[in-house]
Amino acid sequence: MARYRTESTDDQPLRRVEPDTHWKSLRQGDRVSVRTAPGYVTGGLIDAVTEDHTAVWVDLDGGRGRTLLHCSDGVEILPTAS
């Protein structure tokens, strides 16, 4: 018998993630403010939202492209006034 047993991550159950409450109100076409790191905030438009609201596609302002953000990424997505 092995002295130390290493658990394989493939055998571990996935951790359930829940988006912040305001993520559930996000809809396609909404203008948002995205904070990816302290001091770095950019704007954008919601392009798509998954059915469970855990992932959001955002078209970033300034031609920075489209990015996929997940609620477990530590990113804040806040609706802005139109």
C-alpha atoms as a PDB file:
ATOM      1  CA  MET A   1       0.000   0.000   0.000  1.00  0.00           C
ATOM      2  CA  ALA A   2       1.295   3.442  -0.879  1.00  0.00           C
ATOM      3  CA  ARG A   3       2.201   5.730   1.970  1.00  0.00           C
ATOM      4  CA  TYR A   4       1.024   8.906   0.227  1.00  0.00           C
ATOM      5  CA  ARG A   5      -1.946   8.941  -2.063  1.00  0.00           C
ATOM      6  CA  THR A   6      -2.214  11.618  -4.719  1.00  0.00           C
ATOM      7  CA  GLU A   7      -5.747  12.445  -5.755  1.00  0.00           C
ATOM      8  CA  SER A   8      -6.174  12.889  -9.460  1.00  0.00           C
ATOM      9  CA  THR A   9      -7.978  16.083 -10.387  1.00  0.00           C
ATOM     10  CA  ASP A  10      -9.916  14.029 -12.954  1.00  0.00           C
ATOM     11  CA  ASP A  11     -11.539  12.146 -10.070  1.00  0.00           C
ATOM     12  CA  GLN A  12     -12.574  15.273  -8.185  1.00  0.00           C
ATOM     13  CA  PRO A  13     -16.085  16.696  -8.612  1.00  0.00           C
ATOM     14  CA  LEU A  14     -16.360  20.067 -10.313  1.00  0.00           C
ATOM     15  CA  ARG A  15     -16.945  23.003  -8.001  1.00  0.00           C
ATOM     16  CA  ARG A  16     -20.298  24.708  -8.595  1.00  0.00           C
ATOM     17  CA  VAL A  17     -19.913  28.391  -9.357  1.00  0.00           C
ATOM     18  CA  GLU A  18     -22.542  31.052  -8.949  1.00  0.00           C
ATOM     19  CA  PRO A  19     -22.451  34.409 -10.723  1.00  0.00           C
ATOM     20  CA  ASP A  20     -22.986  37.633  -8.781  1.00  0.00           C
ATOM     21  CA  THR A  21     -26.618  38.668  -8.545  1.00  0.00           C
ATOM     22  CA  HIS A  22     -26.257  41.483 -11.076  1.00  0.00           C
ATOM     23  CA  TRP A  23     -24.836  39.074 -13.702  1.00  0.00           C
ATOM     24  CA  LYS A  24     -28.304  37.508 -13.876  1.00  0.00           C
ATOM     25  CA  SER A  25     -29.759  40.811 -15.098  1.00  0.00           C
ATOM     26  CA  LEU A  26     -27.286  41.178 -18.000  1.00  0.00           C
ATOM     27  CA  ARG A  27     -28.806  40.977 -21.477  1.00  0.00           C
ATOM     28  CA  GLN A  28     -27.475  41.129 -25.013  1.00  0.00           C
ATOM     29  CA  GLY A  29     -26.904  44.755 -26.044  1.00  0.00           C
ATOM     30  CA  ASP A  30     -26.411  46.088 -22.496  1.00  0.00           C
ATOM     31  CA  ARG A  31     -23.610  48.618 -21.981  1.00  0.00           C
ATOM     32  CA  VAL A  32     -21.282  47.493 -19.187  1.00  0.00           C
ATOM     33  CA  SER A  33     -18.136  48.454 -17.342  1.00  0.00           C
ATOM     34  CA  VAL A  34     -15.562  45.633 -17.060  1.00  0.00           C
ATOM     35  CA  ARG A  35     -12.928  45.609 -14.299  1.00  0.00           C
ATOM     36  CA  THR A  36     -10.345  42.905 -14.979  1.00  0.00           C
ATOM     37  CA  ALA A  37      -7.738  44.052 -12.463  1.00  0.00           C
ATOM     38  CA  PRO A  38      -7.484  46.764  -9.808  1.00  0.00           C
ATOM     39  CA  GLY A  39      -7.185  50.050 -11.645  1.00  0.00           C
ATOM     40  CA  TYR A  40      -8.048  48.600 -15.080  1.00  0.00           C
ATOM     41  CA  VAL A  41     -11.600  49.357 -16.179  1.00  0.00           C
ATOM     42  CA  THR A  42     -12.963  49.364 -19.715  1.00  0.00           C
ATOM     43  CA  GLY A  43     -16.385  49.598 -21.286  1.00  0.00           C
ATOM     44  CA  GLY A  44     -18.163  47.355 -23.709  1.00  0.00           C
ATOM     45  CA  LEU A  45     -21.398  45.872 -24.977  1.00  0.00           C
ATOM     46  CA  ILE A  46     -22.778  42.475 -24.004  1.00  0.00           C
ATOM     47  CA  ASP A  47     -22.738  40.297 -27.120  1.00  0.00           C
ATOM     48  CA  ALA A  48     -24.042  37.058 -25.586  1.00  0.00           C
ATOM     49  CA  VAL A  49     -24.859  35.513 -22.201  1.00  0.00           C
ATOM     50  CA  THR A  50     -25.021  31.813 -21.376  1.00  0.00           C
ATOM     51  CA  GLU A  51     -28.338  30.455 -20.176  1.00  0.00           C
ATOM     52  CA  ASP A  52     -27.058  30.029 -16.607  1.00  0.00           C
ATOM     53  CA  HIS A  53     -25.421  33.518 -16.651  1.00  0.00           C
ATOM     54  CA  THR A  54     -22.004  32.155 -15.644  1.00  0.00           C
ATOM     55  CA  ALA A  55     -20.271  33.285 -18.856  1.00  0.00           C
ATOM     56  CA  VAL A  56     -20.625  36.494 -20.847  1.00  0.00           C
ATOM     57  CA  TRP A  57     -19.210  37.565 -24.222  1.00  0.00           C
ATOM     58  CA  VAL A  58     -18.333  41.272 -24.254  1.00  0.00           C
ATOM     59  CA  ASP A  59     -17.347  43.432 -27.248  1.00  0.00           C
ATOM     60  CA  LEU A  60     -14.808  45.764 -25.650  1.00  0.00           C
ATOM     61  CA  ASP A  61     -14.715  49.457 -26.534  1.00  0.00           C
ATOM     62  CA  GLY A  62     -11.848  50.947 -28.512  1.00  0.00           C
ATOM     63  CA  GLY A  63     -11.545  48.051 -30.945  1.00  0.00           C
ATOM     64  CA  ARG A  64     -10.064  45.725 -28.325  1.00  0.00           C
ATOM     65  CA  GLY A  65     -12.113  42.795 -29.570  1.00  0.00           C
ATOM     66  CA  ARG A  66     -14.583  40.350 -28.151  1.00  0.00           C
ATOM     67  CA  THR A  67     -13.758  38.504 -24.952  1.00  0.00           C
ATOM     68  CA  LEU A  68     -15.339  35.671 -22.988  1.00  0.00           C
ATOM     69  CA  LEU A  69     -15.607  36.293 -19.249  1.00  0.00           C
ATOM     70  CA  HIS A  70     -16.582  33.662 -16.675  1.00  0.00           C
ATOM     71  CA  CYS A  71     -17.903  34.418 -13.202  1.00  0.00           C
ATOM     72  CA  SER A  72     -15.001  32.474 -11.642  1.00  0.00           C
ATOM     73  CA  ASP A  73     -12.403  34.672 -13.429  1.00  0.00           C
ATOM     74  CA  GLY A  74     -12.524  37.327 -10.697  1.00  0.00           C
ATOM     75  CA  VAL A  75     -13.788  39.920 -13.174  1.00  0.00           C
ATOM     76  CA  GLU A  76     -16.435  42.504 -12.332  1.00  0.00           C
ATOM     77  CA  ILE A  77     -19.045  43.304 -14.971  1.00  0.00           C
ATOM     78  CA  LEU A  78     -21.268  46.169 -13.934  1.00  0.00           C
ATOM     79  CA  PRO A  79     -24.159  47.619 -15.922  1.00  0.00           C
ATOM     80  CA  THR A  80     -23.687  51.298 -16.784  1.00  0.00           C
ATOM     81  CA  ALA A  81     -26.290  53.983 -17.328  1.00  0.00           C
ATOM     82  CA  SER A  82     -27.322  54.204 -20.972  1.00  0.00           C
END
